[in-house]
């Protein structure tokens, strides 16, 4: 996250910190294709003939 944990928790609270951490983790795993909780269909860039 962009903020240090202690500063983020003081401003937004612990629940918001945990939610942001999960969201960031999910976005990272989806972008790398290593998500275990979501099925993401990989599309091919091949041209069909």
PDB file of N, CA and C in Angstrom:
ATOM      1  N   UNK A   1       0.841  -1.191   0.000  1.00  0.00           N
ATOM      2  CA  UNK A   1       0.000   0.000   0.000  1.00  0.00           C
ATOM      3  C   UNK A   1       0.875   1.239   0.000  1.00  0.00           C
ATOM      4  N   UNK A   2       0.257   2.352  -0.314  1.00  0.00           N
ATOM      5  CA  UNK A   2       1.029   3.579  -0.433  1.00  0.00           C
ATOM      6  C   UNK A   2       1.388   4.181   0.916  1.00  0.00           C
ATOM      7  N   UNK A   3       0.594   3.894   1.939  1.00  0.00           N
ATOM      8  CA  UNK A   3       0.833   4.438   3.270  1.00  0.00           C
ATOM      9  C   UNK A   3       1.510   3.388   4.143  1.00  0.00           C
ATOM     10  N   UNK A   4       2.316   3.813   5.097  1.00  0.00           N
ATOM     11  CA  UNK A   4       2.790   2.850   6.104  1.00  0.00           C
ATOM     12  C   UNK A   4       1.589   2.312   6.886  1.00  0.00           C
ATOM     13  N   UNK A   5       1.668   1.070   7.323  1.00  0.00           N
ATOM     14  CA  UNK A   5       0.539   0.422   7.987  1.00  0.00           C
ATOM     15  C   UNK A   5       0.020   1.234   9.161  1.00  0.00           C
ATOM     16  N   UNK A   6       0.890   1.704  10.038  1.00  0.00           N
ATOM     17  CA  UNK A   6       0.442   2.409  11.242  1.00  0.00           C
ATOM     18  C   UNK A   6      -0.319   3.685  10.898  1.00  0.00           C
ATOM     19  N   UNK A   7       0.148   4.425   9.899  1.00  0.00           N
ATOM     20  CA  UNK A   7      -0.529   5.651   9.495  1.00  0.00           C
ATOM     21  C   UNK A   7      -1.883   5.336   8.874  1.00  0.00           C
ATOM     22  N   UNK A   8      -1.938   4.325   8.030  1.00  0.00           N
ATOM     23  CA  UNK A   8      -3.191   3.933   7.389  1.00  0.00           C
ATOM     24  C   UNK A   8      -4.222   3.521   8.431  1.00  0.00           C
ATOM     25  N   UNK A   9      -3.801   2.711   9.414  1.00  0.00           N
ATOM     26  CA  UNK A   9      -4.713   2.235  10.455  1.00  0.00           C
ATOM     27  C   UNK A   9      -5.219   3.402  11.297  1.00  0.00           C
ATOM     28  N   UNK A  10      -4.357   4.362  11.617  1.00  0.00           N
ATOM     29  CA  UNK A  10      -4.783   5.518  12.405  1.00  0.00           C
ATOM     30  C   UNK A  10      -5.816   6.352  11.662  1.00  0.00           C
ATOM     31  N   UNK A  11      -5.641   6.515  10.367  1.00  0.00           N
ATOM     32  CA  UNK A  11      -6.557   7.350   9.590  1.00  0.00           C
ATOM     33  C   UNK A  11      -7.858   6.618   9.266  1.00  0.00           C
ATOM     34  N   UNK A  12      -7.760   5.406   8.749  1.00  0.00           N
ATOM     35  CA  UNK A  12      -8.931   4.707   8.234  1.00  0.00           C
ATOM     36  C   UNK A  12      -9.463   3.600   9.136  1.00  0.00           C
ATOM     37  N   UNK A  13      -8.696   3.118  10.072  1.00  0.00           N
ATOM     38  CA  UNK A  13      -9.136   2.039  10.942  1.00  0.00           C
ATOM     39  C   UNK A  13      -8.626   0.689  10.467  1.00  0.00           C
ATOM     40  N   UNK A  14      -8.652  -0.264  11.374  1.00  0.00           N
ATOM     41  CA  UNK A  14      -8.093  -1.587  11.085  1.00  0.00           C
ATOM     42  C   UNK A  14      -8.891  -2.335  10.018  1.00  0.00           C
ATOM     43  N   UNK A  15     -10.231  -2.238  10.066  1.00  0.00           N
ATOM     44  CA  UNK A  15     -11.054  -2.954   9.093  1.00  0.00           C
ATOM     45  C   UNK A  15     -10.795  -2.453   7.678  1.00  0.00           C
ATOM     46  N   UNK A  16     -10.657  -1.143   7.525  1.00  0.00           N
ATOM     47  CA  UNK A  16     -10.380  -0.575   6.202  1.00  0.00           C
ATOM     48  C   UNK A  16      -9.004  -1.016   5.716  1.00  0.00           C
ATOM     49  N   UNK A  17      -8.050  -1.090   6.622  1.00  0.00           N
ATOM     50  CA  UNK A  17      -6.700  -1.539   6.249  1.00  0.00           C
ATOM     51  C   UNK A  17      -6.742  -2.980   5.741  1.00  0.00           C
ATOM     52  N   UNK A  18      -7.451  -3.847   6.472  1.00  0.00           N
ATOM     53  CA  UNK A  18      -7.521  -5.245   6.066  1.00  0.00           C
ATOM     54  C   UNK A  18      -8.245  -5.393   4.732  1.00  0.00           C
ATOM     55  N   UNK A  19      -9.311  -4.612   4.516  1.00  0.00           N
ATOM     56  CA  UNK A  19     -10.042  -4.663   3.249  1.00  0.00           C
ATOM     57  C   UNK A  19      -9.160  -4.192   2.098  1.00  0.00           C
ATOM     58  N   UNK A  20      -8.409  -3.126   2.321  1.00  0.00           N
ATOM     59  CA  UNK A  20      -7.520  -2.614   1.281  1.00  0.00           C
ATOM     60  C   UNK A  20      -6.410  -3.615   0.974  1.00  0.00           C
ATOM     61  N   UNK A  21      -5.914  -4.269   2.004  1.00  0.00           N
ATOM     62  CA  UNK A  21      -4.848  -5.259   1.819  1.00  0.00           C
ATOM     63  C   UNK A  21      -5.352  -6.440   0.991  1.00  0.00           C
ATOM     64  N   UNK A  22      -6.579  -6.911   1.285  1.00  0.00           N
ATOM     65  CA  UNK A  22      -7.154  -8.014   0.522  1.00  0.00           C
ATOM     66  C   UNK A  22      -7.402  -7.611  -0.926  1.00  0.00           C
ATOM     67  N   UNK A  23      -7.927  -6.402  -1.118  1.00  0.00           N
ATOM     68  CA  UNK A  23      -8.209  -5.927  -2.476  1.00  0.00           C
ATOM     69  C   UNK A  23      -6.923  -5.801  -3.287  1.00  0.00           C
ATOM     70  N   UNK A  24      -5.888  -5.277  -2.673  1.00  0.00           N
ATOM     71  CA  UNK A  24      -4.603  -5.129  -3.360  1.00  0.00           C
ATOM     72  C   UNK A  24      -4.020  -6.497  -3.707  1.00  0.00           C
ATOM     73  N   UNK A  25      -4.131  -7.429  -2.775  1.00  0.00           N
ATOM     74  CA  UNK A  25      -3.617  -8.775  -2.993  1.00  0.00           C
ATOM     75  C   UNK A  25      -4.373  -9.471  -4.124  1.00  0.00           C
ATOM     76  N   UNK A  26      -5.703  -9.316  -4.148  1.00  0.00           N
ATOM     77  CA  UNK A  26      -6.515  -9.926  -5.194  1.00  0.00           C
ATOM     78  C   UNK A  26      -6.178  -9.332  -6.555  1.00  0.00           C
ATOM     79  N   UNK A  27      -6.062  -8.016  -6.610  1.00  0.00           N
ATOM     80  CA  UNK A  27      -5.726  -7.358  -7.878  1.00  0.00           C
ATOM     81  C   UNK A  27      -4.366  -7.824  -8.387  1.00  0.00           C
ATOM     82  N   UNK A  28      -3.427  -7.974  -7.482  1.00  0.00           N
ATOM     83  CA  UNK A  28      -2.087  -8.425  -7.870  1.00  0.00           C
ATOM     84  C   UNK A  28      -2.134  -9.857  -8.397  1.00  0.00           C
ATOM     85  N   UNK A  29      -2.877 -10.732  -7.725  1.00  0.00           N
ATOM     86  CA  UNK A  29      -2.935 -12.121  -8.164  1.00  0.00           C
ATOM     87  C   UNK A  29      -3.680 -12.255  -9.490  1.00  0.00           C
ATOM     88  N   UNK A  30      -4.716 -11.437  -9.706  1.00  0.00           N
ATOM     89  CA  UNK A  30      -5.428 -11.481 -10.980  1.00  0.00           C
ATOM     90  C   UNK A  30      -4.544 -10.981 -12.116  1.00  0.00           C
ATOM     91  N   UNK A  31      -3.762  -9.957 -11.851  1.00  0.00           N
ATOM     92  CA  UNK A  31      -2.915  -9.394 -12.901  1.00  0.00           C
ATOM     93  C   UNK A  31      -1.771 -10.331 -13.275  1.00  0.00           C
ATOM     94  N   UNK A  32      -1.337 -11.154 -12.338  1.00  0.00           N
ATOM     95  CA  UNK A  32      -0.253 -12.091 -12.629  1.00  0.00           C
ATOM     96  C   UNK A  32      -0.781 -13.453 -13.071  1.00  0.00           C
ATOM     97  N   UNK A  33      -2.101 -13.647 -12.984  1.00  0.00           N
ATOM     98  CA  UNK A  33      -2.696 -14.915 -13.398  1.00  0.00           C
ATOM     99  C   UNK A  33      -2.536 -16.019 -12.382  1.00  0.00           C
ATOM    100  N   UNK A  34      -2.236 -15.685 -11.134  1.00  0.00           N
ATOM    101  CA  UNK A  34      -2.018 -16.699 -10.098  1.00  0.00           C
ATOM    102  C   UNK A  34      -3.141 -16.725  -9.065  1.00  0.00           C
ATOM    103  N   UNK A  35      -4.323 -16.273  -9.443  1.00  0.00           N
ATOM    104  CA  UNK A  35      -5.432 -16.228  -8.497  1.00  0.00           C
ATOM    105  C   UNK A  35      -5.969 -17.627  -8.237  1.00  0.00           C
ATOM    106  N   UNK A  36      -6.199 -17.942  -6.966  1.00  0.00           N
ATOM    107  CA  UNK A  36      -6.763 -19.231  -6.601  1.00  0.00           C
ATOM    108  C   UNK A  36      -8.263 -19.121  -6.335  1.00  0.00           C
ATOM    109  N   UNK A  37      -8.757 -17.907  -6.093  1.00  0.00           N
ATOM    110  CA  UNK A  37     -10.149 -17.745  -5.712  1.00  0.00           C
ATOM    111  C   UNK A  37     -11.053 -17.350  -6.872  1.00  0.00           C
ATOM    112  N   UNK A  38     -10.479 -16.949  -7.993  1.00  0.00           N
ATOM    113  CA  UNK A  38     -11.275 -16.565  -9.146  1.00  0.00           C
ATOM    114  C   UNK A  38     -10.777 -17.309 -10.368  1.00  0.00           C
ATOM    115  N   UNK A  39     -11.724 -17.714 -11.205  1.00  0.00           N
ATOM    116  CA  UNK A  39     -11.358 -18.352 -12.464  1.00  0.00           C
ATOM    117  C   UNK A  39     -11.325 -17.282 -13.536  1.00  0.00           C
ATOM    118  N   UNK A  40     -10.169 -17.083 -14.100  1.00  0.00           N
ATOM    119  CA  UNK A  40     -10.011 -16.092 -15.158  1.00  0.00           C
ATOM    120  C   UNK A  40      -9.611 -16.831 -16.416  1.00  0.00           C
ATOM    121  N   UNK A  41     -10.474 -16.739 -17.436  1.00  0.00           N
ATOM    122  CA  UNK A  41     -10.189 -17.434 -18.683  1.00  0.00           C
ATOM    123  C   UNK A  41      -9.106 -16.687 -19.452  1.00  0.00           C
ATOM    124  N   UNK A  42      -8.068 -17.401 -19.783  1.00  0.00           N
ATOM    125  CA  UNK A  42      -6.982 -16.807 -20.550  1.00  0.00           C
ATOM    126  C   UNK A  42      -7.367 -16.797 -22.024  1.00  0.00           C
ATOM    127  N   UNK A  43      -7.204 -15.654 -22.668  1.00  0.00           N
ATOM    128  CA  UNK A  43      -7.520 -15.550 -24.087  1.00  0.00           C
ATOM    129  C   UNK A  43      -6.234 -15.592 -24.893  1.00  0.00           C
ATOM    130  N   UNK A  44      -6.339 -16.164 -26.050  1.00  0.00           N
ATOM    131  CA  UNK A  44      -5.174 -16.282 -26.917  1.00  0.00           C
ATOM    132  C   UNK A  44      -5.171 -15.134 -27.915  1.00  0.00           C
ATOM    133  N   UNK A  45      -3.990 -14.673 -28.261  1.00  0.00           N
ATOM    134  CA  UNK A  45      -3.856 -13.598 -29.235  1.00  0.00           C
ATOM    135  C   UNK A  45      -3.655 -14.134 -30.652  1.00  0.00           C
ATOM    136  N   UNK A  46      -3.804 -15.435 -30.833  1.00  0.00           N
ATOM    137  CA  UNK A  46      -3.619 -16.031 -32.153  1.00  0.00           C
ATOM    138  C   UNK A  46      -4.774 -15.642 -33.075  1.00  0.00           C
ATOM    139  N   UNK A  47      -4.457 -15.454 -34.325  1.00  0.00           N
ATOM    140  CA  UNK A  47      -5.475 -15.122 -35.319  1.00  0.00           C
ATOM    141  C   UNK A  47      -6.050 -16.429 -35.853  1.00  0.00           C
ATOM    142  N   UNK A  48      -7.386 -16.530 -35.822  1.00  0.00           N
ATOM    143  CA  UNK A  48      -8.034 -17.734 -36.335  1.00  0.00           C
ATOM    144  C   UNK A  48      -8.056 -17.682 -37.859  1.00  0.00           C
ATOM    145  N   UNK A  49      -7.768 -18.806 -38.499  1.00  0.00           N
ATOM    146  CA  UNK A  49      -7.750 -18.834 -39.967  1.00  0.00           C
ATOM    147  C   UNK A  49      -8.981 -19.531 -40.494  1.00  0.00           C
TER     148      UNK A  49
END
